[in-house]
Every structure is written in C-alpha cells, then in structure tokens.
Amino acid sequence: MQGTNFVNSIHMNQFTENDLAGKWCRYCACETEEVTGKEVYPDKPHLHEKLFFRCIKDHDHYVGRYEGSGRSLGIIADAHLRKLKMEGHANFDPLWKGDSSVFKTRQEAYQWLSGLMELPKERTHFGMFNEEMCIKAIAFCRQCLNQRQ
C-alpha cells in the first residue's frame, strides 16, 4: 500500500477551498451554480427540495449541500465518481452499522480510515475524495471486512 506521499499529494495539491466548497468544477475548470434537486433529479420528487452546486458547463457534474448551512457535501463529482462514492459507503457503512460492526460509532470508523488514508479526520469523508482516494478507501474497507469474517 502506498503511504503518505501518495494520498496527501492527491488530496492537498488537487483541491482548493473552492473545490471543497462545491464552488469550482475541477473537470471543466469553471464555476458552479446553486440549483435545486428539481433541476438535478427531475424524476425524483423526493429530492426536489434539496440543494446542489452544479457545474455551469456540464450539468452532470454536481454535489449536494447540507441542509441549513449551504455547505457542500464535498467536491463536484461526475457519474463515475458518484458511483465510487456510493461503493465506498457500501463498504464503509457496515464497519460501523449493525450488530456485527467493527466500530461502535461512525466517528470511530472515520478515525480509523483517517489514519489509514493519512489525512486529517475533518478531510476524511467520501464526499471529499477523488477517484483515487475512493478506490484506496474502498480497498481498506474491504480488507477490514474480509479480516472480520
């Protein structure tokens, strides 16, 4: 497994505060706009009231926002990255959810992942990960799940 230089160079050099705030599309090198879920998911009425940041050039690049604060849930993602983030959660969540979980809380699980990814805990969230980081985190989670069995 690659160590500090690999993960930190991907994270620290690639993302600016505007990336992490959802205000910059790293794919198109342009700004984003604030839109509602009705514009992102017109066929999903239960998401119409949600808020998103969306690329002004490519409407398939977007990220959700926390309710109330307006903060981004992470970096702008294309369909491939959104799929990786969902796969990441599918492998990460069983580590802290359910009767046979490895960790007692979500916070403990993120602390564990933070150590392996060699990132500050506040930057260790799938929403903030790029493709390479998601793949690395998924591998760590799968390894942990396999060792548990």
N, C-alpha and C. Protein backbone atom coordinates (compact mmCIF):
# COMPACT_ATOMS: atom_id res chain seq x y z
N MET A 1 0.84 -1.19 0.00
CA MET A 1 0.00 0.00 0.00
C MET A 1 0.88 1.25 0.00
N GLN A 2 0.45 2.22 -0.75
CA GLN A 2 1.22 3.44 -0.81
C GLN A 2 0.90 4.29 0.41
N GLY A 3 1.85 5.10 0.79
CA GLY A 3 1.71 5.84 2.04
C GLY A 3 1.41 7.30 1.86
N THR A 4 1.95 8.07 2.78
CA THR A 4 1.64 9.47 2.94
C THR A 4 1.75 10.27 1.65
N ASN A 5 2.87 10.14 0.96
CA ASN A 5 3.08 10.99 -0.22
C ASN A 5 2.01 10.80 -1.27
N PHE A 6 1.56 9.56 -1.49
CA PHE A 6 0.54 9.28 -2.49
C PHE A 6 -0.79 9.96 -2.13
N VAL A 7 -1.31 9.66 -0.96
CA VAL A 7 -2.64 10.16 -0.60
C VAL A 7 -2.61 11.66 -0.38
N ASN A 8 -1.65 12.17 0.36
CA ASN A 8 -1.63 13.60 0.65
C ASN A 8 -1.39 14.43 -0.60
N SER A 9 -0.57 13.94 -1.53
CA SER A 9 -0.36 14.72 -2.75
C SER A 9 -1.64 14.79 -3.56
N ILE A 10 -2.40 13.70 -3.60
CA ILE A 10 -3.67 13.71 -4.31
C ILE A 10 -4.61 14.71 -3.65
N HIS A 11 -4.68 14.66 -2.32
CA HIS A 11 -5.65 15.49 -1.62
C HIS A 11 -5.22 16.94 -1.53
N MET A 12 -4.06 17.17 -0.98
CA MET A 12 -3.67 18.53 -0.66
C MET A 12 -3.36 19.37 -1.90
N ASN A 13 -2.78 18.78 -2.92
CA ASN A 13 -2.42 19.54 -4.11
C ASN A 13 -3.57 19.70 -5.09
N GLN A 14 -4.53 18.81 -5.03
CA GLN A 14 -5.57 18.82 -6.04
C GLN A 14 -6.75 19.71 -5.66
N PHE A 15 -7.08 19.82 -4.41
CA PHE A 15 -8.31 20.51 -4.02
C PHE A 15 -8.04 21.84 -3.35
N THR A 16 -8.67 22.86 -3.89
CA THR A 16 -8.63 24.18 -3.26
C THR A 16 -9.85 24.30 -2.35
N GLU A 17 -9.90 25.37 -1.61
CA GLU A 17 -11.08 25.60 -0.76
C GLU A 17 -12.34 25.74 -1.62
N ASN A 18 -12.22 26.31 -2.82
CA ASN A 18 -13.37 26.42 -3.72
C ASN A 18 -13.84 25.04 -4.18
N ASP A 19 -12.89 24.09 -4.40
CA ASP A 19 -13.26 22.72 -4.74
C ASP A 19 -14.08 22.12 -3.60
N LEU A 20 -13.55 22.23 -2.40
CA LEU A 20 -14.19 21.63 -1.23
C LEU A 20 -15.50 22.32 -0.88
N ALA A 21 -15.66 23.55 -1.31
CA ALA A 21 -16.90 24.29 -1.05
C ALA A 21 -17.94 24.04 -2.13
N GLY A 22 -17.57 23.28 -3.18
CA GLY A 22 -18.51 23.00 -4.26
C GLY A 22 -18.66 24.13 -5.24
N LYS A 23 -17.77 25.13 -5.16
CA LYS A 23 -17.91 26.32 -6.00
C LYS A 23 -17.06 26.28 -7.26
N TRP A 24 -16.36 25.15 -7.48
CA TRP A 24 -15.49 25.04 -8.64
C TRP A 24 -15.60 23.63 -9.20
N CYS A 25 -15.77 23.53 -10.51
CA CYS A 25 -15.80 22.23 -11.18
C CYS A 25 -14.41 21.92 -11.68
N ARG A 26 -13.79 20.91 -11.09
CA ARG A 26 -12.42 20.55 -11.46
C ARG A 26 -12.36 19.86 -12.81
N TYR A 27 -13.47 19.36 -13.30
CA TYR A 27 -13.50 18.72 -14.62
C TYR A 27 -13.46 19.75 -15.74
N CYS A 28 -14.24 20.80 -15.59
CA CYS A 28 -14.40 21.81 -16.64
C CYS A 28 -13.62 23.09 -16.36
N ALA A 29 -13.01 23.18 -15.19
CA ALA A 29 -12.27 24.39 -14.77
C ALA A 29 -13.17 25.62 -14.88
N CYS A 30 -14.33 25.51 -14.23
CA CYS A 30 -15.25 26.64 -14.24
C CYS A 30 -16.02 26.69 -12.93
N GLU A 31 -16.78 27.75 -12.77
CA GLU A 31 -17.58 27.93 -11.56
C GLU A 31 -18.82 27.03 -11.60
N THR A 32 -19.48 26.97 -10.44
CA THR A 32 -20.73 26.23 -10.34
C THR A 32 -21.86 27.21 -10.04
N GLU A 33 -23.07 26.67 -10.09
CA GLU A 33 -24.25 27.46 -9.75
C GLU A 33 -25.05 26.70 -8.70
N GLU A 34 -25.85 27.42 -7.95
CA GLU A 34 -26.72 26.79 -6.97
C GLU A 34 -28.03 26.43 -7.65
N VAL A 35 -28.43 25.16 -7.50
CA VAL A 35 -29.68 24.70 -8.11
C VAL A 35 -30.42 23.82 -7.10
N THR A 36 -31.66 23.51 -7.45
CA THR A 36 -32.46 22.62 -6.59
C THR A 36 -32.42 21.20 -7.15
N GLY A 37 -32.87 20.29 -6.36
CA GLY A 37 -32.96 18.90 -6.78
C GLY A 37 -33.89 18.70 -7.95
N LYS A 38 -34.83 19.60 -8.11
CA LYS A 38 -35.75 19.51 -9.25
C LYS A 38 -34.99 19.62 -10.57
N GLU A 39 -33.90 20.40 -10.57
CA GLU A 39 -33.09 20.55 -11.78
C GLU A 39 -32.12 19.39 -11.96
N VAL A 40 -31.65 18.82 -10.87
CA VAL A 40 -30.68 17.71 -10.94
C VAL A 40 -31.39 16.38 -11.12
N TYR A 41 -32.47 16.19 -10.38
CA TYR A 41 -33.24 14.93 -10.41
C TYR A 41 -34.71 15.21 -10.71
N PRO A 42 -35.04 15.62 -11.93
CA PRO A 42 -36.43 15.98 -12.22
C PRO A 42 -37.42 14.83 -12.03
N ASP A 43 -36.96 13.58 -12.13
CA ASP A 43 -37.85 12.42 -11.98
C ASP A 43 -37.92 11.89 -10.55
N LYS A 44 -37.32 12.59 -9.60
CA LYS A 44 -37.32 12.15 -8.21
C LYS A 44 -37.88 13.26 -7.32
N PRO A 45 -39.19 13.33 -7.22
CA PRO A 45 -39.83 14.42 -6.47
C PRO A 45 -39.35 14.53 -5.02
N HIS A 46 -38.96 13.43 -4.41
CA HIS A 46 -38.50 13.49 -3.01
C HIS A 46 -37.17 14.24 -2.87
N LEU A 47 -36.50 14.53 -3.99
CA LEU A 47 -35.24 15.28 -3.94
C LEU A 47 -35.38 16.72 -4.44
N HIS A 48 -36.56 17.10 -4.85
CA HIS A 48 -36.76 18.42 -5.45
C HIS A 48 -36.41 19.57 -4.52
N GLU A 49 -36.59 19.39 -3.22
CA GLU A 49 -36.32 20.48 -2.27
C GLU A 49 -34.85 20.53 -1.84
N LYS A 50 -34.08 19.52 -2.17
CA LYS A 50 -32.65 19.51 -1.82
C LYS A 50 -31.91 20.55 -2.64
N LEU A 51 -30.76 20.98 -2.13
CA LEU A 51 -29.96 21.98 -2.81
C LEU A 51 -28.65 21.37 -3.29
N PHE A 52 -28.16 21.87 -4.42
CA PHE A 52 -26.95 21.35 -5.04
C PHE A 52 -26.10 22.48 -5.60
N PHE A 53 -24.81 22.19 -5.76
CA PHE A 53 -23.94 23.01 -6.59
C PHE A 53 -23.75 22.21 -7.88
N ARG A 54 -23.91 22.88 -9.04
CA ARG A 54 -23.80 22.20 -10.33
C ARG A 54 -22.91 23.02 -11.26
N CYS A 55 -22.10 22.32 -12.01
CA CYS A 55 -21.22 22.95 -13.00
C CYS A 55 -22.04 23.75 -14.00
N ILE A 56 -21.55 24.93 -14.34
CA ILE A 56 -22.29 25.75 -15.30
C ILE A 56 -22.12 25.25 -16.73
N LYS A 57 -21.07 24.43 -16.99
CA LYS A 57 -20.84 23.92 -18.35
C LYS A 57 -21.41 22.52 -18.56
N ASP A 58 -21.26 21.64 -17.58
CA ASP A 58 -21.71 20.25 -17.73
C ASP A 58 -22.62 19.92 -16.54
N HIS A 59 -23.89 19.82 -16.79
CA HIS A 59 -24.87 19.63 -15.71
C HIS A 59 -24.82 18.25 -15.07
N ASP A 60 -23.98 17.34 -15.59
CA ASP A 60 -23.79 16.04 -14.95
C ASP A 60 -22.74 16.12 -13.83
N HIS A 61 -22.11 17.25 -13.66
CA HIS A 61 -21.13 17.45 -12.60
C HIS A 61 -21.80 18.26 -11.48
N TYR A 62 -22.02 17.61 -10.34
CA TYR A 62 -22.70 18.29 -9.24
C TYR A 62 -22.38 17.64 -7.91
N VAL A 63 -22.79 18.33 -6.86
CA VAL A 63 -22.63 17.83 -5.49
C VAL A 63 -23.77 18.42 -4.65
N GLY A 64 -24.23 17.65 -3.69
CA GLY A 64 -25.28 18.11 -2.80
C GLY A 64 -24.76 19.08 -1.76
N ARG A 65 -25.71 19.67 -1.04
CA ARG A 65 -25.37 20.63 0.01
C ARG A 65 -26.05 20.19 1.30
N TYR A 66 -25.40 20.50 2.40
CA TYR A 66 -26.01 20.25 3.72
C TYR A 66 -27.20 21.18 3.88
N GLU A 67 -28.27 20.65 4.42
CA GLU A 67 -29.45 21.47 4.67
C GLU A 67 -29.14 22.49 5.75
N GLY A 68 -29.64 23.69 5.56
CA GLY A 68 -29.48 24.72 6.57
C GLY A 68 -28.21 25.54 6.42
N SER A 69 -27.06 24.89 6.28
CA SER A 69 -25.80 25.64 6.25
C SER A 69 -25.42 26.09 4.85
N GLY A 70 -25.88 25.39 3.82
CA GLY A 70 -25.48 25.71 2.46
C GLY A 70 -24.11 25.18 2.10
N ARG A 71 -23.45 24.52 3.06
CA ARG A 71 -22.13 23.95 2.80
C ARG A 71 -22.24 22.77 1.85
N SER A 72 -21.22 22.60 1.05
CA SER A 72 -21.15 21.49 0.11
C SER A 72 -20.93 20.18 0.86
N LEU A 73 -21.48 19.09 0.32
CA LEU A 73 -21.23 17.76 0.87
C LEU A 73 -19.86 17.23 0.46
N GLY A 74 -19.18 17.94 -0.41
CA GLY A 74 -17.86 17.51 -0.87
C GLY A 74 -17.49 18.21 -2.16
N ILE A 75 -16.71 17.52 -2.98
CA ILE A 75 -16.28 18.09 -4.24
C ILE A 75 -17.28 17.74 -5.35
N ILE A 76 -17.30 18.55 -6.38
CA ILE A 76 -18.13 18.28 -7.55
C ILE A 76 -17.75 16.90 -8.10
N ALA A 77 -18.75 16.11 -8.47
CA ALA A 77 -18.49 14.75 -8.96
C ALA A 77 -19.22 14.49 -10.27
N ASP A 78 -18.56 13.72 -11.12
CA ASP A 78 -19.22 13.22 -12.33
C ASP A 78 -19.87 11.88 -11.99
N ALA A 79 -20.50 11.25 -12.96
CA ALA A 79 -21.22 10.00 -12.69
C ALA A 79 -20.28 8.91 -12.17
N HIS A 80 -19.09 8.82 -12.72
CA HIS A 80 -18.13 7.79 -12.29
C HIS A 80 -17.74 7.99 -10.82
N LEU A 81 -17.42 9.22 -10.44
CA LEU A 81 -17.03 9.49 -9.06
C LEU A 81 -18.21 9.28 -8.11
N ARG A 82 -19.41 9.67 -8.52
CA ARG A 82 -20.58 9.44 -7.66
C ARG A 82 -20.77 7.94 -7.42
N LYS A 83 -20.55 7.14 -8.45
CA LYS A 83 -20.65 5.68 -8.30
C LYS A 83 -19.60 5.16 -7.32
N LEU A 84 -18.37 5.66 -7.42
CA LEU A 84 -17.31 5.25 -6.49
C LEU A 84 -17.64 5.66 -5.05
N LYS A 85 -18.20 6.85 -4.89
CA LYS A 85 -18.57 7.30 -3.54
C LYS A 85 -19.65 6.40 -2.94
N MET A 86 -20.62 6.01 -3.76
CA MET A 86 -21.66 5.09 -3.27
C MET A 86 -21.06 3.73 -2.93
N GLU A 87 -20.16 3.26 -3.76
CA GLU A 87 -19.48 1.99 -3.48
C GLU A 87 -18.65 2.11 -2.21
N GLY A 88 -18.04 3.25 -2.02
CA GLY A 88 -17.28 3.49 -0.81
C GLY A 88 -18.15 3.37 0.43
N HIS A 89 -19.29 4.03 0.41
CA HIS A 89 -20.20 3.94 1.56
C HIS A 89 -20.75 2.53 1.73
N ALA A 90 -20.98 1.83 0.64
CA ALA A 90 -21.48 0.45 0.73
C ALA A 90 -20.47 -0.45 1.44
N ASN A 91 -19.19 -0.15 1.34
CA ASN A 91 -18.15 -0.92 2.01
C ASN A 91 -17.80 -0.35 3.38
N PHE A 92 -17.94 0.95 3.54
CA PHE A 92 -17.60 1.61 4.80
C PHE A 92 -18.69 1.48 5.86
N ASP A 93 -19.94 1.70 5.46
CA ASP A 93 -21.04 1.73 6.43
C ASP A 93 -21.19 0.45 7.25
N PRO A 94 -21.00 -0.74 6.68
CA PRO A 94 -21.10 -1.95 7.50
C PRO A 94 -20.04 -2.04 8.61
N LEU A 95 -18.98 -1.22 8.48
CA LEU A 95 -17.95 -1.22 9.52
C LEU A 95 -18.46 -0.60 10.82
N TRP A 96 -19.48 0.25 10.74
CA TRP A 96 -19.98 0.89 11.96
C TRP A 96 -21.48 0.71 12.17
N LYS A 97 -22.20 0.19 11.20
CA LYS A 97 -23.65 -0.02 11.34
C LYS A 97 -23.94 -1.49 11.60
N GLY A 98 -24.92 -1.74 12.41
CA GLY A 98 -25.40 -3.11 12.61
C GLY A 98 -24.76 -3.83 13.78
N ASP A 99 -25.32 -5.01 14.06
CA ASP A 99 -24.88 -5.80 15.22
C ASP A 99 -23.47 -6.35 15.07
N SER A 100 -23.04 -6.62 13.86
CA SER A 100 -21.72 -7.23 13.66
C SER A 100 -20.69 -6.20 13.18
N SER A 101 -20.91 -4.93 13.52
CA SER A 101 -19.99 -3.89 13.07
C SER A 101 -18.64 -3.99 13.78
N VAL A 102 -17.62 -3.48 13.12
CA VAL A 102 -16.27 -3.47 13.67
C VAL A 102 -16.10 -2.32 14.66
N PHE A 103 -16.70 -1.19 14.36
CA PHE A 103 -16.58 0.01 15.19
C PHE A 103 -17.92 0.32 15.84
N LYS A 104 -17.86 0.94 17.01
CA LYS A 104 -19.09 1.25 17.74
C LYS A 104 -19.83 2.46 17.16
N THR A 105 -19.06 3.39 16.58
CA THR A 105 -19.68 4.61 16.05
C THR A 105 -19.11 4.95 14.68
N ARG A 106 -19.83 5.79 14.00
CA ARG A 106 -19.38 6.31 12.70
C ARG A 106 -18.08 7.09 12.88
N GLN A 107 -18.01 7.87 13.98
CA GLN A 107 -16.80 8.67 14.24
C GLN A 107 -15.58 7.79 14.41
N GLU A 108 -15.73 6.67 15.12
CA GLU A 108 -14.60 5.74 15.30
C GLU A 108 -14.16 5.18 13.94
N ALA A 109 -15.12 4.86 13.10
CA ALA A 109 -14.80 4.31 11.79
C ALA A 109 -14.06 5.34 10.94
N TYR A 110 -14.51 6.60 10.98
CA TYR A 110 -13.82 7.63 10.22
C TYR A 110 -12.43 7.91 10.80
N GLN A 111 -12.28 7.81 12.10
CA GLN A 111 -10.96 7.98 12.71
C GLN A 111 -10.01 6.90 12.21
N TRP A 112 -10.48 5.65 12.14
CA TRP A 112 -9.69 4.54 11.62
C TRP A 112 -9.28 4.80 10.17
N LEU A 113 -10.27 5.19 9.33
CA LEU A 113 -10.00 5.44 7.92
C LEU A 113 -9.05 6.63 7.76
N SER A 114 -9.20 7.63 8.59
CA SER A 114 -8.33 8.79 8.56
C SER A 114 -6.87 8.38 8.77
N GLY A 115 -6.64 7.49 9.72
CA GLY A 115 -5.28 7.02 9.97
C GLY A 115 -4.70 6.27 8.78
N LEU A 116 -5.50 5.41 8.18
CA LEU A 116 -5.02 4.64 7.02
C LEU A 116 -4.79 5.53 5.80
N MET A 117 -5.66 6.49 5.62
CA MET A 117 -5.53 7.39 4.47
C MET A 117 -4.48 8.48 4.73
N GLU A 118 -4.06 8.58 5.98
CA GLU A 118 -3.08 9.59 6.40
C GLU A 118 -3.56 10.99 6.05
N LEU A 119 -4.81 11.23 6.42
CA LEU A 119 -5.46 12.52 6.21
C LEU A 119 -6.00 13.03 7.53
N PRO A 120 -6.16 14.33 7.68
CA PRO A 120 -6.85 14.84 8.87
C PRO A 120 -8.27 14.30 8.90
N LYS A 121 -8.77 14.03 10.09
CA LYS A 121 -10.12 13.47 10.21
C LYS A 121 -11.17 14.35 9.54
N GLU A 122 -11.01 15.66 9.64
CA GLU A 122 -12.01 16.56 9.05
C GLU A 122 -11.99 16.52 7.52
N ARG A 123 -10.97 15.94 6.90
CA ARG A 123 -10.91 15.79 5.45
C ARG A 123 -11.15 14.35 5.01
N THR A 124 -11.52 13.49 5.96
CA THR A 124 -11.73 12.08 5.65
C THR A 124 -13.22 11.79 5.55
N HIS A 125 -13.76 12.06 4.38
CA HIS A 125 -15.16 11.80 4.07
C HIS A 125 -15.25 11.47 2.59
N PHE A 126 -16.08 10.52 2.23
CA PHE A 126 -16.17 10.13 0.83
C PHE A 126 -16.55 11.30 -0.06
N GLY A 127 -17.31 12.24 0.46
CA GLY A 127 -17.68 13.41 -0.33
C GLY A 127 -16.49 14.25 -0.75
N MET A 128 -15.40 14.18 0.01
CA MET A 128 -14.20 14.96 -0.27
C MET A 128 -13.16 14.18 -1.07
N PHE A 129 -13.44 12.92 -1.37
CA PHE A 129 -12.47 12.07 -2.06
C PHE A 129 -12.61 12.18 -3.57
N ASN A 130 -11.47 12.10 -4.25
CA ASN A 130 -11.48 11.97 -5.70
C ASN A 130 -11.48 10.48 -6.03
N GLU A 131 -11.34 10.15 -7.30
CA GLU A 131 -11.42 8.76 -7.74
C GLU A 131 -10.38 7.88 -7.06
N GLU A 132 -9.11 8.33 -7.08
CA GLU A 132 -8.04 7.53 -6.50
C GLU A 132 -8.23 7.32 -5.00
N MET A 133 -8.68 8.35 -4.33
CA MET A 133 -8.89 8.25 -2.89
C MET A 133 -10.05 7.30 -2.57
N CYS A 134 -11.11 7.34 -3.37
CA CYS A 134 -12.22 6.42 -3.17
C CYS A 134 -11.75 4.98 -3.34
N ILE A 135 -11.00 4.72 -4.38
CA ILE A 135 -10.51 3.36 -4.64
C ILE A 135 -9.65 2.88 -3.48
N LYS A 136 -8.79 3.74 -2.97
CA LYS A 136 -7.93 3.39 -1.84
C LYS A 136 -8.77 3.10 -0.59
N ALA A 137 -9.74 3.96 -0.30
CA ALA A 137 -10.59 3.78 0.88
C ALA A 137 -11.43 2.50 0.76
N ILE A 138 -11.94 2.22 -0.42
CA ILE A 138 -12.73 1.00 -0.64
C ILE A 138 -11.86 -0.22 -0.36
N ALA A 139 -10.62 -0.18 -0.81
CA ALA A 139 -9.70 -1.32 -0.56
C ALA A 139 -9.46 -1.51 0.93
N PHE A 140 -9.26 -0.42 1.67
CA PHE A 140 -9.06 -0.52 3.11
C PHE A 140 -10.30 -1.12 3.79
N CYS A 141 -11.47 -0.65 3.39
CA CYS A 141 -12.71 -1.13 4.00
C CYS A 141 -12.94 -2.61 3.69
N ARG A 142 -12.71 -3.00 2.46
CA ARG A 142 -12.88 -4.41 2.08
C ARG A 142 -11.91 -5.30 2.85
N GLN A 143 -10.68 -4.82 2.99
CA GLN A 143 -9.68 -5.59 3.74
C GLN A 143 -10.14 -5.78 5.19
N CYS A 144 -10.66 -4.74 5.79
CA CYS A 144 -11.15 -4.82 7.16
C CYS A 144 -12.34 -5.78 7.26
N LEU A 145 -13.27 -5.66 6.32
CA LEU A 145 -14.44 -6.54 6.32
C LEU A 145 -14.04 -7.99 6.12
N ASN A 146 -13.08 -8.25 5.23
CA ASN A 146 -12.62 -9.62 4.98
C ASN A 146 -11.90 -10.21 6.19
N GLN A 147 -11.15 -9.39 6.91
CA GLN A 147 -10.46 -9.87 8.10
C GLN A 147 -11.43 -10.21 9.22
N ARG A 148 -12.55 -9.53 9.21
CA ARG A 148 -13.57 -9.75 10.25
C ARG A 148 -14.25 -11.10 10.08
N GLN A 149 -14.34 -11.57 8.86
CA GLN A 149 -15.08 -12.81 8.58
C GLN A 149 -14.29 -14.05 8.93
